[in-house]
Amino acid sequence: MQLLVLGAIGYFGNGAAQVYLRYLTFKDVVTNEFTLNAGRKSIPEWRNRIQFLADSLEMPEEAGIAVVRRTNKQAFLEVHYDEEIVLPGFKRDVHFEVKAQGNL
């Protein structure tokens, strides 16, 4: 019986785990690239890069929409999106956000 319960948790929890794994991968790549290379790309180039990353990870469309701002010395990037997690008898929208900043 315990194996059956563990198997069910693993099977149904896989969808939620994939959502969080995609988020963590996306966040890691975006923050690392932006922190190290903020001044090397223009704002449209950053927006295109974020869109490409979101598409390649098969994320929701909103994940590809980045807000990029620049001051005299720093650049800031923000991405906000929601993703739905569905489990038996449970459905929830989870809000994710990625923020990064880098020196120009």
Protein backbone atom coordinates (compact mmCIF):
# COMPACT_ATOMS: atom_id res chain seq x y z
CA MET A 1 0.00 0.00 0.00
CA GLN A 2 2.84 2.40 0.83
CA LEU A 3 4.42 1.83 -2.58
CA LEU A 4 1.10 2.60 -4.24
CA VAL A 5 0.78 5.88 -2.33
CA LEU A 6 4.40 6.85 -3.07
CA GLY A 7 3.92 5.96 -6.73
CA ALA A 8 0.79 8.12 -6.96
CA ILE A 9 2.54 11.06 -5.29
CA GLY A 10 5.47 10.72 -7.66
CA TYR A 11 3.27 10.40 -10.74
CA PHE A 12 1.02 13.35 -9.98
CA GLY A 13 3.75 15.50 -8.42
CA ASN A 14 5.82 15.24 -11.58
CA GLY A 15 3.82 18.01 -13.28
CA ALA A 16 4.36 20.43 -10.41
CA ALA A 17 8.04 19.52 -10.23
CA GLN A 18 8.46 20.26 -13.95
CA VAL A 19 6.91 23.71 -13.53
CA TYR A 20 9.31 24.60 -10.72
CA LEU A 21 12.30 23.09 -12.51
CA ARG A 22 11.58 25.21 -15.61
CA TYR A 23 11.31 28.30 -13.42
CA LEU A 24 14.58 27.60 -11.62
CA THR A 25 16.39 26.93 -14.90
CA PHE A 26 14.97 30.09 -16.49
CA LYS A 27 15.78 32.20 -13.43
CA ASP A 28 19.34 30.89 -13.22
CA VAL A 29 20.12 31.50 -16.88
CA VAL A 30 18.50 34.94 -16.98
CA THR A 31 20.10 36.26 -13.79
CA ASN A 32 23.55 34.94 -14.65
CA GLU A 33 23.53 36.26 -18.22
CA PHE A 34 22.08 39.64 -17.28
CA THR A 35 24.34 40.18 -14.28
CA LEU A 36 27.45 39.48 -16.31
CA ASN A 37 26.42 41.06 -19.64
CA ALA A 38 23.89 43.81 -18.88
CA GLY A 39 25.74 46.48 -20.85
CA ARG A 40 26.69 44.35 -23.83
CA LYS A 41 23.22 44.10 -25.34
CA SER A 42 20.60 46.69 -26.15
CA ILE A 43 17.17 46.60 -24.57
CA PRO A 44 15.56 45.03 -27.69
CA GLU A 45 18.32 42.40 -27.77
CA TRP A 46 17.61 41.50 -24.13
CA ARG A 47 13.89 41.25 -24.82
CA ASN A 48 14.57 38.93 -27.76
CA ARG A 49 16.94 36.81 -25.65
CA ILE A 50 14.35 36.42 -22.88
CA GLN A 51 11.68 35.50 -25.43
CA PHE A 52 14.00 32.89 -26.94
CA LEU A 53 14.78 31.37 -23.53
CA ALA A 54 11.11 31.22 -22.55
CA ASP A 55 10.19 29.59 -25.87
CA SER A 56 13.01 27.06 -25.67
CA LEU A 57 11.88 26.00 -22.17
CA GLU A 58 8.22 25.81 -23.34
CA MET A 59 7.10 28.34 -20.77
CA PRO A 60 3.90 30.41 -20.83
CA GLU A 61 3.83 33.32 -23.28
CA GLU A 62 4.06 35.95 -20.51
CA ALA A 63 7.43 34.54 -19.43
CA GLY A 64 8.90 35.89 -22.65
CA ILE A 65 7.91 39.47 -21.86
CA ALA A 66 10.76 41.25 -20.11
CA VAL A 67 10.83 44.76 -18.69
CA VAL A 68 14.33 46.20 -19.04
CA ARG A 69 15.32 49.57 -17.57
CA ARG A 70 18.63 51.40 -17.55
CA THR A 71 20.08 54.16 -15.45
CA ASN A 72 23.47 55.79 -15.91
CA LYS A 73 25.32 52.97 -14.17
CA GLN A 74 22.97 49.98 -13.88
CA ALA A 75 20.45 47.96 -15.80
CA PHE A 76 17.42 46.16 -14.35
CA LEU A 77 15.40 43.30 -15.79
CA GLU A 78 12.07 41.89 -14.56
CA VAL A 79 9.91 39.05 -15.81
CA HIS A 80 6.54 38.14 -14.25
CA TYR A 81 4.30 35.26 -15.25
CA ASP A 82 1.75 32.81 -13.87
CA GLU A 83 1.65 29.09 -14.46
CA GLU A 84 -1.11 26.65 -13.56
CA ILE A 85 -0.35 23.54 -11.54
CA VAL A 86 -2.96 20.81 -11.83
CA LEU A 87 -3.10 17.80 -9.53
CA PRO A 88 -6.05 15.50 -8.83
CA GLY A 89 -8.55 17.61 -6.91
CA PHE A 90 -6.18 20.55 -6.84
CA LYS A 91 -5.63 23.37 -9.29
CA ARG A 92 -3.62 26.48 -8.54
CA ASP A 93 -2.10 29.43 -10.37
CA VAL A 94 1.40 30.14 -9.13
CA HIS A 95 3.04 33.52 -9.70
CA PHE A 96 6.71 33.54 -10.66
CA GLU A 97 9.06 36.46 -11.03
CA VAL A 98 12.65 36.85 -12.07
CA LYS A 99 14.62 39.99 -11.25
CA ALA A 100 18.19 40.78 -12.18
CA GLN A 101 20.48 43.75 -12.26
CA GLY A 102 23.86 44.41 -13.73
CA ASN A 103 26.39 47.16 -14.09
CA LEU A 104 26.78 49.04 -17.33
